[in-house]
N, C-alpha and C. Protein backbone atom coordinates (compact mmCIF):
# COMPACT_ATOMS: atom_id res chain seq x y z
N MET A 1 30.04 51.95 67.18
CA MET A 1 29.65 50.45 67.10
C MET A 1 29.35 49.74 66.14
N LEU A 2 28.70 50.46 65.03
CA LEU A 2 28.41 49.53 63.62
C LEU A 2 29.44 49.42 62.98
N THR A 3 30.35 50.19 63.29
CA THR A 3 31.81 49.95 62.88
C THR A 3 32.39 48.36 63.48
N GLY A 4 32.42 48.13 64.61
CA GLY A 4 32.72 46.94 65.46
C GLY A 4 31.77 45.67 64.69
N PHE A 5 30.62 46.46 64.03
CA PHE A 5 29.19 44.67 63.78
C PHE A 5 30.28 44.59 62.63
N ALA A 6 30.36 45.63 61.71
CA ALA A 6 30.55 45.50 60.20
C ALA A 6 32.32 44.79 59.96
N VAL A 7 33.08 45.30 61.15
CA VAL A 7 33.96 44.23 60.85
C VAL A 7 34.47 43.31 61.40
N SER A 8 33.71 43.07 62.69
CA SER A 8 33.77 41.80 63.84
C SER A 8 32.65 40.83 62.44
N SER A 9 32.24 41.52 61.92
CA SER A 9 31.09 40.31 61.18
C SER A 9 31.68 39.53 60.10
N ALA A 10 32.00 40.05 59.48
CA ALA A 10 33.36 39.95 58.12
C ALA A 10 34.11 39.49 58.56
N ALA A 11 34.90 39.47 59.84
CA ALA A 11 35.92 39.35 59.96
C ALA A 11 35.79 37.88 60.55
N ILE A 12 34.57 37.20 60.99
CA ILE A 12 34.79 36.14 61.90
C ILE A 12 33.85 35.38 60.66
N PHE A 13 32.81 36.14 60.19
CA PHE A 13 32.54 34.74 58.65
C PHE A 13 33.52 34.20 57.78
N VAL A 14 34.81 35.35 58.01
CA VAL A 14 35.91 34.71 57.31
C VAL A 14 36.52 33.50 57.91
N ALA A 15 36.70 33.76 58.99
CA ALA A 15 37.69 33.06 59.75
C ALA A 15 37.19 31.51 60.17
N GLU A 16 35.29 31.80 60.04
CA GLU A 16 34.90 30.43 60.14
C GLU A 16 34.72 29.16 58.80
N LEU A 17 35.05 30.21 57.83
CA LEU A 17 34.99 29.43 56.32
C LEU A 17 36.24 28.30 56.16
N GLY A 18 35.71 27.26 56.17
CA GLY A 18 36.61 26.04 56.47
C GLY A 18 36.89 25.39 57.37
N ASP A 19 36.36 26.05 58.81
CA ASP A 19 37.07 25.31 60.24
C ASP A 19 35.88 24.29 60.40
N LYS A 20 36.91 23.91 61.70
CA LYS A 20 35.79 22.42 62.14
C LYS A 20 34.91 22.55 62.27
N SER A 21 34.12 23.61 62.54
CA SER A 21 32.81 23.91 63.30
C SER A 21 32.19 24.04 62.00
N GLN A 22 32.65 24.28 60.99
CA GLN A 22 31.89 24.60 59.56
C GLN A 22 31.23 23.08 59.48
N LEU A 23 32.57 21.96 59.85
CA LEU A 23 32.28 20.59 59.18
C LEU A 23 31.47 19.58 60.40
N MET A 24 31.89 20.19 61.83
CA MET A 24 30.87 19.76 62.71
C MET A 24 29.44 20.27 62.32
N ALA A 25 29.16 21.38 61.59
CA ALA A 25 27.58 22.04 61.42
C ALA A 25 26.90 21.04 60.17
N MET A 26 27.74 20.60 59.27
CA MET A 26 27.54 19.62 58.29
C MET A 26 26.98 18.36 58.80
N THR A 27 28.22 17.99 59.56
CA THR A 27 27.73 16.89 60.43
C THR A 27 26.39 16.36 60.72
N PHE A 28 26.13 17.77 61.89
CA PHE A 28 25.06 17.80 62.82
C PHE A 28 23.78 17.67 62.01
N ALA A 29 23.71 18.12 60.37
CA ALA A 29 22.69 18.35 59.80
C ALA A 29 22.29 17.52 59.07
N THR A 30 23.09 16.82 59.27
CA THR A 30 23.16 14.68 58.43
C THR A 30 21.84 14.41 59.63
N ARG A 31 22.03 14.98 60.65
CA ARG A 31 21.57 13.66 61.88
C ARG A 31 20.44 14.68 62.50
N PHE A 32 20.65 16.04 62.24
CA PHE A 32 19.19 16.86 63.13
C PHE A 32 18.45 18.07 62.43
N ARG A 33 17.61 18.21 62.57
CA ARG A 33 17.02 18.75 61.49
C ARG A 33 17.81 20.43 61.93
N ALA A 34 17.97 21.42 60.25
CA ALA A 34 18.73 22.14 60.51
C ALA A 34 18.48 23.24 61.18
N TRP A 35 16.81 23.64 61.99
CA TRP A 35 17.14 24.77 62.89
C TRP A 35 17.21 24.29 64.28
N GLN A 36 17.71 23.21 64.29
CA GLN A 36 18.02 22.66 65.79
C GLN A 36 19.39 22.90 65.74
N VAL A 37 20.44 22.71 64.65
CA VAL A 37 21.62 22.67 64.29
C VAL A 37 21.82 24.52 64.67
N LEU A 38 21.04 25.02 63.89
CA LEU A 38 21.86 26.60 63.84
C LEU A 38 20.81 27.41 65.10
N LEU A 39 20.30 26.82 65.96
CA LEU A 39 20.03 27.12 66.90
C LEU A 39 20.80 26.90 68.35
N GLY A 40 21.41 25.50 68.10
CA GLY A 40 22.19 24.81 69.36
C GLY A 40 23.67 25.96 68.69
N ILE A 41 23.62 26.47 67.70
CA ILE A 41 25.35 26.98 67.51
C ILE A 41 25.10 28.21 67.65
N THR A 42 24.07 28.84 67.81
CA THR A 42 24.10 30.46 67.94
C THR A 42 23.79 30.23 69.34
N LEU A 43 23.62 29.40 70.36
CA LEU A 43 23.78 29.49 71.90
C LEU A 43 24.94 29.44 72.52
N ALA A 44 25.42 28.32 71.96
CA ALA A 44 27.32 28.44 71.89
C ALA A 44 27.85 29.78 71.73
N THR A 45 27.61 29.98 70.39
CA THR A 45 28.54 31.16 69.76
C THR A 45 27.86 32.81 71.14
N THR A 46 26.97 32.63 70.87
CA THR A 46 26.58 33.53 71.84
C THR A 46 27.02 33.97 73.00
N VAL A 47 27.64 32.70 73.73
CA VAL A 47 28.14 32.74 75.17
C VAL A 47 29.57 32.73 75.02
N VAL A 48 30.24 31.91 73.86
CA VAL A 48 31.46 31.96 73.73
C VAL A 48 31.90 33.56 73.05
N HIS A 49 31.62 34.15 72.32
CA HIS A 49 32.25 35.54 71.94
C HIS A 49 31.45 37.06 73.00
N ALA A 50 30.98 36.21 74.29
CA ALA A 50 30.59 37.33 75.13
C ALA A 50 31.73 36.93 75.93
N VAL A 51 32.48 35.68 76.04
CA VAL A 51 33.89 35.61 77.03
C VAL A 51 34.63 36.38 76.05
N SER A 52 34.92 36.51 75.34
CA SER A 52 35.87 36.88 74.25
C SER A 52 36.17 38.25 74.16
N VAL A 53 34.57 39.19 74.14
CA VAL A 53 34.59 39.98 73.87
C VAL A 53 35.20 40.90 74.86
N ALA A 54 34.65 40.03 76.85
CA ALA A 54 35.27 40.74 77.76
C ALA A 54 36.67 40.78 77.76
N LEU A 55 37.35 39.70 77.09
CA LEU A 55 38.66 39.65 77.58
C LEU A 55 39.28 40.53 76.41
N GLY A 56 38.72 40.74 75.04
CA GLY A 56 39.51 41.82 74.69
C GLY A 56 38.94 42.67 74.84
N PHE A 57 37.50 43.09 75.50
CA PHE A 57 37.73 44.57 75.77
C PHE A 57 38.28 44.63 77.18
N GLY A 58 38.99 43.45 77.91
CA GLY A 58 40.00 43.95 79.00
C GLY A 58 40.94 44.22 78.79
N LEU A 59 41.54 43.79 77.31
CA LEU A 59 42.62 43.85 77.08
C LEU A 59 43.17 45.54 76.49
N GLY A 60 41.60 45.73 75.53
CA GLY A 60 42.09 47.20 74.66
C GLY A 60 41.87 48.35 75.53
N SER A 61 41.76 48.21 76.93
CA SER A 61 41.19 49.50 77.76
C SER A 61 42.50 49.86 78.70
N ALA A 62 43.12 48.75 78.62
CA ALA A 62 44.68 48.46 79.55
C ALA A 62 45.78 48.65 78.45
N LEU A 63 45.55 48.78 77.33
CA LEU A 63 47.45 48.74 76.56
C LEU A 63 46.71 49.80 75.54
N PRO A 64 47.73 50.83 74.63
CA PRO A 64 47.83 51.76 74.22
C PRO A 64 47.46 51.01 72.46
N THR A 65 46.18 51.92 71.98
CA THR A 65 45.38 51.81 70.76
C THR A 65 46.37 50.97 69.58
N SER A 66 47.70 51.72 69.48
CA SER A 66 48.36 51.46 68.16
C SER A 66 49.19 50.32 68.43
N TRP A 67 49.56 49.87 69.71
CA TRP A 67 50.09 48.79 69.60
C TRP A 67 49.13 47.29 69.67
N ILE A 68 47.90 47.57 69.92
CA ILE A 68 46.92 46.34 70.15
C ILE A 68 46.74 46.30 68.61
N GLY A 69 46.22 47.76 67.60
CA GLY A 69 46.20 47.34 66.21
C GLY A 69 47.38 46.54 65.80
N LEU A 70 48.87 46.91 66.44
CA LEU A 70 50.17 46.18 65.54
C LEU A 70 50.05 44.19 65.63
N VAL A 71 49.28 44.35 67.06
CA VAL A 71 49.37 42.91 66.94
C VAL A 71 48.18 42.51 66.80
N ALA A 72 46.96 42.65 66.87
CA ALA A 72 45.92 42.30 66.10
C ALA A 72 46.40 42.16 64.76
N GLY A 73 47.04 43.02 64.05
CA GLY A 73 47.64 42.73 62.46
C GLY A 73 48.57 41.41 62.36
N VAL A 74 49.20 41.36 63.29
CA VAL A 74 50.05 40.14 63.32
C VAL A 74 49.20 38.68 63.67
N ALA A 75 48.53 38.99 64.71
CA ALA A 75 47.52 37.76 64.63
C ALA A 75 46.49 37.44 63.87
N PHE A 76 45.70 38.22 62.80
CA PHE A 76 45.33 37.96 61.88
C PHE A 76 46.63 37.10 60.81
N LEU A 77 47.56 37.50 60.54
CA LEU A 77 48.70 36.86 59.75
C LEU A 77 48.94 35.59 59.84
N GLY A 78 49.33 35.07 60.99
CA GLY A 78 48.85 34.22 61.74
C GLY A 78 47.45 33.05 61.27
N PHE A 79 46.53 34.27 61.69
CA PHE A 79 45.32 33.39 61.49
C PHE A 79 45.27 32.86 59.96
N ALA A 80 45.86 33.67 59.30
CA ALA A 80 45.42 33.30 57.93
C ALA A 80 46.82 32.39 57.56
N ILE A 81 47.62 31.85 57.86
CA ILE A 81 48.44 30.91 57.75
C ILE A 81 47.80 29.60 58.66
N TRP A 82 46.80 29.83 59.95
CA TRP A 82 46.36 28.49 60.93
C TRP A 82 45.05 28.00 59.40
N THR A 83 44.46 28.90 58.39
CA THR A 83 43.40 28.66 57.85
C THR A 83 44.08 27.82 56.72
N LEU A 84 45.42 28.43 56.08
CA LEU A 84 45.90 27.56 55.31
C LEU A 84 46.46 26.35 55.74
N ARG A 85 46.70 26.01 56.93
CA ARG A 85 46.80 24.27 57.28
C ARG A 85 45.69 23.89 57.07
N GLY A 86 44.57 24.24 57.76
CA GLY A 86 43.21 23.92 57.54
C GLY A 86 42.94 22.89 58.51
N ASP A 87 41.54 22.89 58.91
CA ASP A 87 40.89 22.29 59.74
C ASP A 87 40.37 21.07 59.79
N HIS A 88 40.77 19.98 60.47
CA HIS A 88 39.80 18.71 60.12
C HIS A 88 39.08 18.02 61.45
N LEU A 89 38.06 17.16 61.33
CA LEU A 89 37.54 16.98 62.64
C LEU A 89 38.28 15.68 62.86
N THR A 90 38.36 15.57 64.44
CA THR A 90 39.33 14.32 64.53
C THR A 90 38.45 13.05 64.87
N GLU A 91 38.60 11.92 64.52
CA GLU A 91 37.54 10.76 64.61
C GLU A 91 36.72 11.36 66.59
N ALA A 92 37.72 11.57 67.64
CA ALA A 92 36.82 11.68 68.52
C ALA A 92 35.86 13.02 68.27
N GLU A 93 35.89 13.98 67.30
CA GLU A 93 35.20 14.97 67.24
C GLU A 93 33.79 14.03 66.64
N LYS A 94 34.18 13.61 65.50
CA LYS A 94 33.10 12.98 64.38
C LYS A 94 32.41 11.95 65.25
N GLY A 95 32.93 11.32 66.57
CA GLY A 95 32.57 10.33 66.77
C GLY A 95 31.53 10.98 67.90
N ARG A 96 31.95 11.76 68.51
CA ARG A 96 31.08 12.69 69.51
C ARG A 96 29.57 13.41 68.81
N ALA A 97 29.77 13.64 68.13
CA ALA A 97 29.10 14.41 66.71
C ALA A 97 28.14 13.41 66.07
N GLY A 98 28.16 12.48 66.27
CA GLY A 98 27.65 10.94 65.69
C GLY A 98 26.93 10.73 67.01
N ARG A 99 27.09 10.59 68.24
CA ARG A 99 26.78 9.67 69.38
C ARG A 99 25.55 10.42 70.62
N LEU A 100 25.86 11.67 70.03
CA LEU A 100 24.83 12.59 71.19
C LEU A 100 24.07 12.61 70.92
N ALA A 101 22.96 12.05 71.89
CA ALA A 101 21.60 11.65 72.51
C ALA A 101 21.00 13.00 72.86
N GLY A 102 19.41 12.46 73.03
CA GLY A 102 19.15 13.80 73.67
C GLY A 102 18.57 14.87 72.91
N SER A 103 18.25 15.97 73.46
CA SER A 103 17.78 17.62 72.65
C SER A 103 19.28 17.43 71.72
N ALA A 104 18.58 17.89 70.68
CA ALA A 104 19.59 17.88 69.66
C ALA A 104 19.90 19.22 70.07
N VAL A 105 19.16 19.74 70.39
CA VAL A 105 19.93 21.58 70.38
C VAL A 105 20.83 21.45 71.43
N LEU A 106 20.63 20.80 72.43
CA LEU A 106 21.71 21.03 73.89
C LEU A 106 22.87 20.26 73.34
N ALA A 107 22.77 18.97 72.28
CA ALA A 107 23.75 18.68 72.02
C ALA A 107 24.19 19.38 71.08
N VAL A 108 24.19 19.90 70.31
CA VAL A 108 25.15 20.83 69.24
C VAL A 108 25.44 21.82 70.05
N THR A 109 25.21 23.04 71.24
CA THR A 109 25.53 23.62 71.93
C THR A 109 26.75 23.39 73.13
N VAL A 110 26.46 22.55 73.55
CA VAL A 110 27.50 21.77 74.06
C VAL A 110 28.92 21.47 73.08
N ALA A 111 28.47 20.49 71.74
CA ALA A 111 29.88 20.01 71.31
C ALA A 111 30.33 21.63 70.66
N PHE A 112 29.70 22.58 70.10
CA PHE A 112 30.20 23.97 69.77
C PHE A 112 30.29 24.73 70.74
N PHE A 113 30.29 24.54 71.84
CA PHE A 113 30.84 25.55 72.95
C PHE A 113 32.22 24.71 73.63
N LEU A 114 32.00 23.27 73.31
CA LEU A 114 33.71 22.95 73.31
C LEU A 114 34.49 23.27 72.61
N ALA A 115 34.18 23.10 71.00
CA ALA A 115 34.84 23.20 70.54
C ALA A 115 35.56 24.56 69.65
N GLU A 116 34.77 26.12 70.17
CA GLU A 116 35.10 27.03 70.34
C GLU A 116 35.85 27.62 71.46
N LEU A 117 35.96 26.90 72.14
CA LEU A 117 37.11 27.22 73.10
C LEU A 117 37.92 27.16 72.61
N GLY A 118 39.10 28.34 72.57
CA GLY A 118 40.43 28.35 72.09
C GLY A 118 40.67 28.33 70.54
N ASP A 119 39.41 28.05 70.02
CA ASP A 119 39.55 28.19 68.24
C ASP A 119 39.89 29.47 67.51
N LYS A 120 40.36 29.50 66.99
CA LYS A 120 41.08 30.97 66.10
C LYS A 120 39.46 31.86 65.79
N THR A 121 38.21 31.76 65.71
CA THR A 121 37.44 32.76 65.94
C THR A 121 37.21 33.18 67.24
N MET A 122 37.49 32.36 68.83
CA MET A 122 37.20 33.20 69.59
C MET A 122 38.44 34.21 69.86
N LEU A 123 39.40 33.44 69.33
CA LEU A 123 40.38 34.48 69.70
C LEU A 123 40.85 35.89 68.79
N ALA A 124 40.18 35.37 67.52
CA ALA A 124 40.03 36.97 66.09
C ALA A 124 38.76 37.56 67.02
N THR A 125 37.73 37.14 67.88
CA THR A 125 37.27 37.72 68.38
C THR A 125 37.74 38.75 69.91
N VAL A 126 38.36 38.05 69.87
CA VAL A 126 39.18 38.34 71.64
C VAL A 126 39.87 39.96 70.75
N THR A 127 40.71 39.91 69.61
CA THR A 127 41.62 40.75 68.80
C THR A 127 40.49 41.81 68.77
N LEU A 128 39.58 41.78 68.10
CA LEU A 128 38.66 42.77 67.69
C LEU A 128 38.19 43.46 68.66
N ALA A 129 37.85 43.01 69.77
CA ALA A 129 37.02 43.27 70.86
C ALA A 129 37.92 44.19 71.63
N ALA A 130 39.53 44.35 71.09
CA ALA A 130 40.36 45.10 71.94
C ALA A 130 40.28 46.03 71.04
N GLN A 131 39.74 46.30 70.16
CA GLN A 131 40.00 47.51 69.49
C GLN A 131 38.46 48.19 68.77
N TYR A 132 37.60 47.60 68.92
CA TYR A 132 35.89 48.20 68.49
C TYR A 132 35.45 47.97 69.32
N ASP A 133 33.63 48.19 69.38
CA ASP A 133 33.24 48.44 70.34
C ASP A 133 32.59 47.68 70.76
N TRP A 134 32.67 46.99 72.30
CA TRP A 134 32.34 45.62 72.71
C TRP A 134 31.18 45.12 71.83
N LEU A 135 29.93 45.85 72.22
CA LEU A 135 28.35 45.28 71.71
C LEU A 135 28.79 44.83 70.28
N GLY A 136 28.87 45.94 69.41
CA GLY A 136 29.03 45.72 68.00
C GLY A 136 29.96 43.92 67.63
N THR A 137 31.33 44.13 68.19
CA THR A 137 32.09 43.19 68.04
C THR A 137 31.22 42.11 68.36
N TRP A 138 30.25 42.14 69.35
CA TRP A 138 29.71 40.74 70.27
C TRP A 138 28.77 40.37 69.43
N ILE A 139 27.80 41.14 68.78
CA ILE A 139 27.21 41.32 67.95
C ILE A 139 27.02 40.93 67.06
N GLY A 140 28.27 41.29 66.27
CA GLY A 140 28.74 41.46 64.84
C GLY A 140 29.21 40.13 64.98
N SER A 141 30.48 39.22 65.55
CA SER A 141 31.12 38.38 65.69
C SER A 141 30.03 36.83 65.79
N THR A 142 28.75 37.06 66.52
CA THR A 142 27.61 36.24 66.39
C THR A 142 27.21 36.11 65.32
N VAL A 143 26.41 37.18 64.70
CA VAL A 143 26.07 37.24 63.08
C VAL A 143 27.11 36.38 62.12
N GLY A 144 28.29 36.88 62.20
CA GLY A 144 29.17 36.17 61.11
C GLY A 144 29.76 34.42 61.31
N MET A 145 29.75 34.29 62.52
CA MET A 145 29.85 32.68 62.63
C MET A 145 28.69 31.94 62.59
N VAL A 146 27.52 32.20 62.73
CA VAL A 146 26.43 31.82 62.25
C VAL A 146 25.66 31.89 61.17
N LEU A 147 26.13 32.76 60.64
CA LEU A 147 26.00 33.18 58.99
C LEU A 147 26.95 31.65 58.42
N ALA A 148 28.37 32.05 58.85
CA ALA A 148 29.08 31.30 58.14
C ALA A 148 28.86 29.74 58.09
N ASP A 149 28.43 29.49 59.21
CA ASP A 149 27.73 28.18 60.08
C ASP A 149 26.55 27.48 59.20
N ALA A 150 25.50 28.79 59.21
CA ALA A 150 24.48 27.88 58.14
C ALA A 150 24.78 28.38 56.64
N LEU A 151 25.47 28.86 56.39
CA LEU A 151 25.99 28.31 54.77
C LEU A 151 26.29 26.85 54.85
N ALA A 152 27.24 26.38 55.56
CA ALA A 152 27.85 25.50 56.11
C ALA A 152 26.57 24.34 55.75
N ILE A 153 25.48 24.39 56.77
CA ILE A 153 24.59 23.67 56.77
C ILE A 153 23.54 23.27 55.37
N GLY A 154 23.49 25.02 54.96
CA GLY A 154 23.10 24.72 53.59
C GLY A 154 23.96 23.97 52.40
N ALA A 155 25.17 24.00 52.78
CA ALA A 155 25.93 23.47 51.30
C ALA A 155 26.23 22.03 51.43
N GLY A 156 26.30 21.73 52.94
CA GLY A 156 26.63 19.87 53.51
C GLY A 156 24.66 19.54 52.80
N MET A 157 23.96 20.65 52.93
CA MET A 157 22.20 19.56 52.53
C MET A 157 22.21 19.34 51.17
N LEU A 158 22.99 20.83 50.37
CA LEU A 158 23.02 20.52 48.76
C LEU A 158 24.34 19.97 47.99
N LEU A 159 25.27 20.09 48.75
CA LEU A 159 26.65 19.51 47.89
C LEU A 159 26.98 17.95 48.78
N GLY A 160 26.67 18.02 49.49
CA GLY A 160 27.46 16.79 50.62
C GLY A 160 28.46 16.88 50.28
N ARG A 161 29.36 16.32 50.28
CA ARG A 161 31.00 16.03 50.24
C ARG A 161 31.97 16.41 49.03
N HIS A 162 30.78 17.49 48.23
CA HIS A 162 31.58 17.62 46.89
C HIS A 162 32.13 19.18 47.00
N LEU A 163 32.43 19.95 48.35
CA LEU A 163 32.48 21.10 48.53
C LEU A 163 34.09 21.40 48.16
N PRO A 164 34.41 22.43 47.69
CA PRO A 164 35.80 22.58 47.51
C PRO A 164 36.57 23.48 48.28
N GLU A 165 36.60 22.54 49.27
CA GLU A 165 37.65 22.98 50.50
C GLU A 165 39.31 23.90 50.32
N LYS A 166 39.53 23.34 49.35
CA LYS A 166 40.49 23.52 49.16
C LYS A 166 40.93 25.41 48.79
N ALA A 167 39.77 24.99 48.37
CA ALA A 167 39.31 26.97 47.28
C ALA A 167 38.64 28.28 48.38
N ILE A 168 38.29 27.21 49.44
CA ILE A 168 37.49 28.05 50.48
C ILE A 168 38.86 28.30 51.51
N ARG A 169 39.36 27.56 52.03
CA ARG A 169 40.75 27.60 52.92
C ARG A 169 41.37 28.33 52.44
N TYR A 170 41.47 28.62 50.97
CA TYR A 170 42.86 29.65 50.24
C TYR A 170 42.43 31.50 50.45
N GLY A 171 41.08 31.29 50.33
CA GLY A 171 40.29 32.52 49.95
C GLY A 171 40.44 32.94 51.16
N ALA A 172 40.07 32.21 52.49
CA ALA A 172 40.02 32.53 53.68
C ALA A 172 40.81 33.08 54.25
N ALA A 173 41.86 32.08 53.44
CA ALA A 173 43.62 32.56 54.10
C ALA A 173 44.39 33.87 53.45
N ALA A 174 43.72 34.35 52.63
CA ALA A 174 44.12 35.60 52.00
C ALA A 174 42.91 36.63 52.13
N LEU A 175 41.99 36.72 52.89
CA LEU A 175 41.05 37.64 53.41
C LEU A 175 41.94 37.89 54.61
N PHE A 176 42.69 36.84 55.28
CA PHE A 176 42.67 37.12 56.81
C PHE A 176 44.24 38.06 56.42
N ALA A 177 44.87 37.80 55.30
CA ALA A 177 46.16 38.46 55.19
C ALA A 177 45.77 39.83 55.14
N VAL A 178 44.63 39.98 54.29
CA VAL A 178 45.14 41.27 53.73
C VAL A 178 43.99 42.27 55.21
N PHE A 179 43.64 41.62 56.01
CA PHE A 179 43.02 42.18 57.13
C PHE A 179 44.18 42.35 58.09
N GLY A 180 44.95 41.73 58.39
CA GLY A 180 46.36 41.40 58.85
C GLY A 180 47.50 42.56 58.11
N GLY A 181 47.43 42.29 57.46
CA GLY A 181 48.15 43.24 56.70
C GLY A 181 47.77 44.79 56.41
N TRP A 182 46.23 44.88 56.54
CA TRP A 182 45.65 46.21 56.85
C TRP A 182 46.32 47.13 58.27
N LEU A 183 46.03 46.02 59.40
CA LEU A 183 45.96 46.38 60.94
C LEU A 183 47.59 46.16 61.18
N VAL A 184 48.39 45.87 60.72
CA VAL A 184 49.97 45.97 60.67
C VAL A 184 50.23 47.48 60.13
N ILE A 185 49.98 47.57 59.21
CA ILE A 185 50.25 48.84 58.63
C ILE A 185 49.56 50.21 59.66
N ASP A 186 48.84 49.93 59.78
CA ASP A 186 47.52 51.43 60.40
C ASP A 186 48.24 50.98 61.39
N GLY A 187 48.85 50.14 62.42
CA GLY A 187 49.09 49.99 63.91
C GLY A 187 50.27 50.72 63.99
N ALA A 188 51.33 50.23 63.24
CA ALA A 188 52.73 50.86 62.59
C ALA A 188 53.09 52.18 62.31
N LEU A 189 51.40 52.96 61.54
CA LEU A 189 51.83 54.15 61.05
C LEU A 189 51.14 54.91 62.78
N GLY A 190 50.27 54.63 63.81
CA GLY A 190 50.30 54.78 64.97
C GLY A 190 51.30 55.15 65.27
N LEU A 191 52.13 54.46 65.46
CA LEU A 191 53.59 54.53 66.66
C LEU A 191 54.41 55.61 66.15
N LEU A 192 54.51 55.88 65.18
CA LEU A 192 55.53 57.16 64.73
C LEU A 192 54.70 58.21 64.53
């Protein structure tokens, strides 16, 4: 369980760096209190990652682990490329973040839940859950994402729009490539 927690915390933290969810967190932090934004992110992430872990756990028990490792490595290399490409909020997402009224926590929860469906952090969590303990992966992926978004909220409050987005994106892509390369090599050695 500890390995799943550690690996998924680190991987999802890295995956979230420069992601549109961080941009949403910064946007919401300018409108709502930081604790409301963080609570909404935590609620949405807990649910989305529970679904992701269930999918990954189901795949993990149905497929041989060497193949899962190889596919996971290729997926992480794809995540590295996706991260290099970068994420940006669309005008519709910016508008939704600015218009939501009512409960701040509910607004953030719904927006993050919808934004995370099919996002790279959800796919990375599915991939990790296919290899590691489901509980450790679920808790770790949730913690990793919440910490990365908390960092975005804090950075957004302190630095405004002067964040070096390109440097963050390149660093996250490099870490994905390292994780991906390691998983590909480990999976390929398991097939030999």
